[in-house]
Protein backbone atom coordinates (compact mmCIF):
# COMPACT_ATOMS: atom_id res chain seq x y z
CA UNK A 1 11.62 14.68 -13.60
CA UNK A 2 15.31 14.63 -15.12
CA UNK A 3 17.65 12.39 -15.34
CA UNK A 4 19.91 14.16 -13.40
CA UNK A 5 17.44 14.93 -10.87
CA UNK A 6 16.51 10.98 -10.63
CA UNK A 7 19.92 9.89 -10.44
CA UNK A 8 20.70 12.51 -7.59
CA UNK A 9 17.86 10.98 -5.61
CA UNK A 10 18.74 7.74 -5.89
CA UNK A 11 20.71 6.07 -2.99
CA UNK A 12 20.98 2.35 -4.52
CA UNK A 13 19.83 1.16 -7.64
CA UNK A 14 20.84 -2.15 -9.83
CA UNK A 15 19.06 -5.37 -11.78
CA UNK A 16 17.13 -5.83 -8.79
CA UNK A 17 15.80 -2.05 -7.27
CA UNK A 18 15.89 1.25 -7.60
CA UNK A 19 15.63 3.04 -3.94
CA UNK A 20 15.23 6.84 -3.80
CA UNK A 21 16.52 7.96 -0.09
CA UNK A 22 15.05 11.55 -0.54
CA UNK A 23 11.63 10.36 -1.74
CA UNK A 24 11.47 7.59 0.31
CA UNK A 25 10.48 5.16 -2.85
CA UNK A 26 11.46 1.38 -3.53
CA UNK A 27 11.20 -0.20 -6.79
CA UNK A 28 11.63 -4.13 -6.69
CA UNK A 29 12.02 -6.55 -9.51
CA UNK A 30 12.88 -10.19 -10.12
CA UNK A 31 16.11 -11.46 -11.46
CA UNK A 32 16.40 -12.02 -15.10
CA UNK A 33 15.18 -15.70 -16.09
CA UNK A 34 13.06 -16.07 -12.75
CA UNK A 35 10.18 -17.75 -12.51
CA UNK A 36 9.03 -14.85 -10.34
CA UNK A 37 6.81 -12.72 -12.08
CA UNK A 38 6.18 -10.59 -9.18
CA UNK A 39 7.40 -6.54 -9.19
CA UNK A 40 6.70 -4.09 -6.93
CA UNK A 41 7.05 -0.49 -6.07
CA UNK A 42 6.57 0.98 -2.05
CA UNK A 43 6.62 4.49 -0.83
CA UNK A 44 7.30 6.36 2.26
CA UNK A 45 7.50 10.12 2.12
CA UNK A 46 5.49 12.71 3.22
CA UNK A 47 2.13 14.38 2.75
CA UNK A 48 3.25 17.79 1.35
CA UNK A 49 4.71 16.16 -1.87
CA UNK A 50 3.82 17.41 -5.48
CA UNK A 51 0.71 16.18 -6.58
CA UNK A 52 -0.05 14.14 -3.02
CA UNK A 53 -2.54 11.91 -2.24
CA UNK A 54 -2.39 11.60 1.67
CA UNK A 55 -0.86 8.36 1.28
CA UNK A 56 2.46 7.38 3.00
CA UNK A 57 2.64 3.80 2.99
CA UNK A 58 1.15 3.34 -0.29
CA UNK A 59 2.27 0.27 -2.41
CA UNK A 60 1.54 -1.49 -5.98
CA UNK A 61 1.98 -4.53 -7.18
CA UNK A 62 2.31 -6.49 -11.01
CA UNK A 63 2.16 -9.71 -11.75
CA UNK A 64 2.83 -10.59 -15.37
CA UNK A 65 1.69 -7.41 -17.65
CA UNK A 66 -1.25 -7.32 -15.12
CA UNK A 67 -1.48 -4.10 -12.15
CA UNK A 68 -3.16 -6.49 -9.60
CA UNK A 69 -3.24 -4.10 -6.33
CA UNK A 70 -2.11 -0.94 -5.21
CA UNK A 71 -2.04 2.81 -5.64
CA UNK A 72 -4.80 3.11 -8.90
CA UNK A 73 -3.00 6.49 -9.91
CA UNK A 74 -4.98 9.96 -10.47
CA UNK A 75 -8.10 10.58 -12.90
CA UNK A 76 -7.80 11.51 -16.70
CA UNK A 77 -9.12 14.81 -16.56
CA UNK A 78 -9.72 16.78 -12.95
CA UNK A 79 -12.87 18.16 -11.89
CA UNK A 80 -12.85 21.83 -11.22
CA UNK A 81 -12.23 21.52 -6.93
CA UNK A 82 -9.42 18.94 -7.48
CA UNK A 83 -6.89 20.58 -6.21
CA UNK A 84 -8.56 22.74 -3.45
CA UNK A 85 -8.48 22.19 0.39
CA UNK A 86 -11.72 20.15 0.40
CA UNK A 87 -10.61 17.55 -2.44
CA UNK A 88 -8.79 14.97 -0.04
CA UNK A 89 -12.24 14.24 1.61
CA UNK A 90 -14.79 14.77 -1.37
CA UNK A 91 -12.85 12.90 -3.99
CA UNK A 92 -11.90 9.49 -2.58
CA UNK A 93 -9.36 8.83 -5.21
CA UNK A 94 -7.60 11.86 -3.95
CA UNK A 95 -7.11 11.28 -0.06
CA UNK A 96 -6.10 8.09 1.73
CA UNK A 97 -9.51 6.27 2.19
CA UNK A 98 -8.65 5.08 -2.01
CA UNK A 99 -5.48 4.22 -1.32
CA UNK A 100 -4.19 0.61 0.04
CA UNK A 101 -3.44 1.82 3.67
CA UNK A 102 -5.37 1.89 6.81
CA UNK A 103 -8.12 3.60 8.49
CA UNK A 104 -7.11 4.10 12.25
CA UNK A 105 -9.92 4.42 14.53
CA UNK A 106 -11.88 5.97 11.87
CA UNK A 107 -8.90 8.38 10.89
CA UNK A 108 -7.77 8.86 6.97
CA UNK A 109 -4.29 10.31 6.87
CA UNK A 110 -3.53 13.94 7.31
CA UNK A 111 -2.05 16.50 4.90
CA UNK A 112 1.04 17.99 5.52
CA UNK A 113 4.93 18.01 5.75
CA UNK A 114 4.53 16.65 9.23
CA UNK A 115 2.27 13.82 8.10
CA UNK A 116 5.84 11.28 7.17
CA UNK A 117 6.92 8.19 7.17
CA UNK A 118 10.70 7.82 9.54
CA UNK A 119 12.08 4.61 7.71
CA UNK A 120 13.20 2.26 10.44
CA UNK A 121 14.72 -0.52 8.22
CA UNK A 122 16.04 -1.26 5.04
CA UNK A 123 17.57 -4.70 3.89
CA UNK A 124 18.32 -5.44 0.25
CA UNK A 125 19.77 -9.04 -0.53
CA UNK A 126 19.66 -10.84 -4.02
CA UNK A 127 16.63 -13.09 -2.16
CA UNK A 128 14.33 -10.51 -0.44
CA UNK A 129 13.94 -6.71 0.24
CA UNK A 130 12.42 -5.47 3.26
CA UNK A 131 11.45 -1.72 4.01
CA UNK A 132 9.62 -0.74 6.97
CA UNK A 133 8.57 2.69 7.97
CA UNK A 134 6.93 4.01 11.39
CA UNK A 135 3.91 6.42 10.06
CA UNK A 136 2.29 7.10 12.70
CA UNK A 137 2.72 10.84 12.15
CA UNK A 138 0.52 10.07 8.88
CA UNK A 139 -2.60 10.13 11.38
CA UNK A 140 -4.27 12.29 13.93
CA UNK A 141 -5.95 9.82 15.63
CA UNK A 142 -5.85 10.51 19.49
CA UNK A 143 -5.25 7.53 20.82
CA UNK A 144 -2.49 6.36 18.37
CA UNK A 145 0.59 5.54 20.16
CA UNK A 146 2.27 3.66 17.29
CA UNK A 147 1.87 2.49 13.58
CA UNK A 148 4.57 0.45 11.65
CA UNK A 149 4.48 -0.93 7.97
CA UNK A 150 6.92 -3.06 6.52
CA UNK A 151 7.15 -4.52 3.33
CA UNK A 152 8.69 -7.74 2.44
CA UNK A 153 9.45 -8.45 -1.31
CA UNK A 154 10.72 -12.15 -1.45
CA UNK A 155 12.05 -12.77 -5.09
CA UNK A 156 12.76 -16.30 -4.73
CA UNK A 157 10.51 -19.05 -6.41
CA UNK A 158 7.48 -17.34 -8.25
CA UNK A 159 7.78 -14.37 -5.47
CA UNK A 160 5.19 -13.17 -2.98
CA UNK A 161 5.19 -9.64 -1.33
CA UNK A 162 3.80 -9.06 2.07
CA UNK A 163 2.53 -5.74 3.81
CA UNK A 164 2.53 -5.94 7.42
CA UNK A 165 0.91 -3.19 9.80
CA UNK A 166 1.19 -3.55 13.30
CA UNK A 167 -0.22 -1.11 15.61
CA UNK A 168 -0.36 0.05 19.34
CA UNK A 169 -2.86 2.49 20.95
CA UNK A 170 -3.34 4.35 24.25
CA UNK A 171 -6.99 2.67 24.40
CA UNK A 172 -8.62 -0.02 22.22
CA UNK A 173 -9.43 1.45 18.57
CA UNK A 174 -11.12 0.41 15.79
CA UNK A 175 -8.25 -0.56 12.77
CA UNK A 176 -9.00 -1.49 9.13
CA UNK A 177 -6.57 -2.05 5.99
CA UNK A 178 -7.13 -2.12 2.38
CA UNK A 179 -6.64 -3.42 -0.80
CA UNK A 180 -7.00 -1.70 -4.04
CA UNK A 181 -7.84 -3.43 -7.30
CA UNK A 182 -9.20 -3.26 -10.67
CA UNK A 183 -9.37 -7.21 -10.42
CA UNK A 184 -12.03 -9.23 -10.45
CA UNK A 185 -12.16 -10.57 -6.59
CA UNK A 186 -13.80 -13.43 -4.62
CA UNK A 187 -13.74 -14.27 -1.23
CA UNK A 188 -12.35 -17.64 -0.53
CA UNK A 189 -12.77 -17.99 2.96
CA UNK A 190 -12.39 -15.95 6.44
CA UNK A 191 -8.42 -15.36 5.34
CA UNK A 192 -8.02 -15.37 1.38
CA UNK A 193 -9.14 -13.70 -1.17
CA UNK A 194 -8.55 -14.15 -4.88
CA UNK A 195 -8.02 -11.50 -7.62
CA UNK A 196 -8.30 -12.17 -11.15
CA UNK A 197 -7.56 -10.53 -14.37
CA UNK A 198 -7.82 -11.71 -18.00
CA UNK A 199 -4.34 -13.23 -17.82
CA UNK A 200 -3.45 -13.52 -14.17
CA UNK A 201 -4.64 -14.62 -10.84
CA UNK A 202 -3.42 -13.66 -7.50
CA UNK A 203 -3.65 -15.13 -3.91
CA UNK A 204 -3.97 -13.08 -0.85
CA UNK A 205 -3.68 -14.50 2.26
CA UNK A 206 -4.31 -12.52 5.65
CA UNK A 207 -3.09 -12.71 9.14
CA UNK A 208 -4.12 -11.07 11.83
CA UNK A 209 -4.04 -10.72 15.52
CA UNK A 210 -7.86 -11.04 15.53
CA UNK A 211 -10.85 -11.89 13.49
CA UNK A 212 -11.22 -9.76 10.30
CA UNK A 213 -14.32 -8.35 8.30
CA UNK A 214 -14.60 -7.27 4.45
CA UNK A 215 -16.23 -4.54 2.94
CA UNK A 216 -16.49 -3.14 -0.65
CA UNK A 217 -16.78 0.06 -2.24
CA UNK A 218 -16.42 0.98 -6.22
CA UNK A 219 -14.57 3.95 -6.58
CA UNK A 220 -14.67 6.25 -9.76
CA UNK A 221 -13.93 9.67 -10.09
CA UNK A 222 -12.92 10.78 -14.21
CA UNK A 223 -10.73 7.36 -14.41
CA UNK A 224 -11.59 3.67 -14.70
CA UNK A 225 -13.52 2.17 -11.74
CA UNK A 226 -11.83 0.15 -8.97
CA UNK A 227 -12.73 -1.24 -5.91
CA UNK A 228 -11.88 -0.56 -2.52
CA UNK A 229 -11.94 -3.84 -0.28
CA UNK A 230 -11.82 -3.11 3.19
CA UNK A 231 -10.17 -5.51 5.47
CA UNK A 232 -10.96 -4.65 9.33
CA UNK A 233 -10.36 -6.38 13.09
CA UNK A 234 -14.10 -6.83 14.20
CA UNK A 235 -12.85 -6.33 17.88
CA UNK A 236 -11.27 -2.95 18.64
CA UNK A 237 -8.09 -3.33 20.16
CA UNK A 238 -5.32 -1.61 22.00
CA UNK A 239 -2.03 -3.57 19.87
CA UNK A 240 -3.04 -5.63 16.68
CA UNK A 241 -1.92 -6.45 13.72
CA UNK A 242 -3.12 -6.95 9.71
CA UNK A 243 -0.52 -9.07 7.43
CA UNK A 244 -1.28 -9.16 4.07
CA UNK A 245 0.48 -11.88 1.68
CA UNK A 246 0.22 -11.64 -1.71
CA UNK A 247 1.30 -14.28 -4.46
CA UNK A 248 0.75 -15.69 -7.95
CA UNK A 249 -2.20 -18.86 -7.83
CA UNK A 250 -0.41 -21.62 -9.06
CA UNK A 251 -2.72 -23.27 -11.57
């Protein structure tokens, strides 16, 4: 992307953030000299973009010099059929299953421009950046009525990043979100995870409309292996939410 194209896409850019209106991408940073070492990116967009991974609603979180959670990127080299129509289902690194976005009643995200994010709110201040999208259309789940994802980046103190999904459906459905990470991780208790790299530790606090269950799976396709941590509501529901709050562990 050239500098001219970058500038054309930017609606709002300063030392704290860059927001790309047409792409639906927010990059948010701490203030200079702040004790906050957390920086984030979050995307809306649609599933017909170049090199798309069917990942509307994806994000990445850096703590210090480490990428702790989020989109793990693409492979170093591509399998021969990586750009075929079947690749999204065959290669988990490419489809939404391998990204930090929900699986809704067993359905991953659909391909195409109709699968898109509608920006509902964007509120940017020196203290916090809020970015909220309706990405119901990204899922062809028959009974899904609405799915809203809200990102809140708080650069105050040591900082935090919250990703909240709220859904409604015509009938009770299964709902699961995910964290993708190359960090070492462990379950602290029913509502907390600990992620650790060589130099950083992050706590993930989980709030949900019901009790959750955890699953894990290693994903590797010609790239460093990473873990998909599934976080699913144990009971089917016609209305619910899962909220993940990420922040540095205080040592």
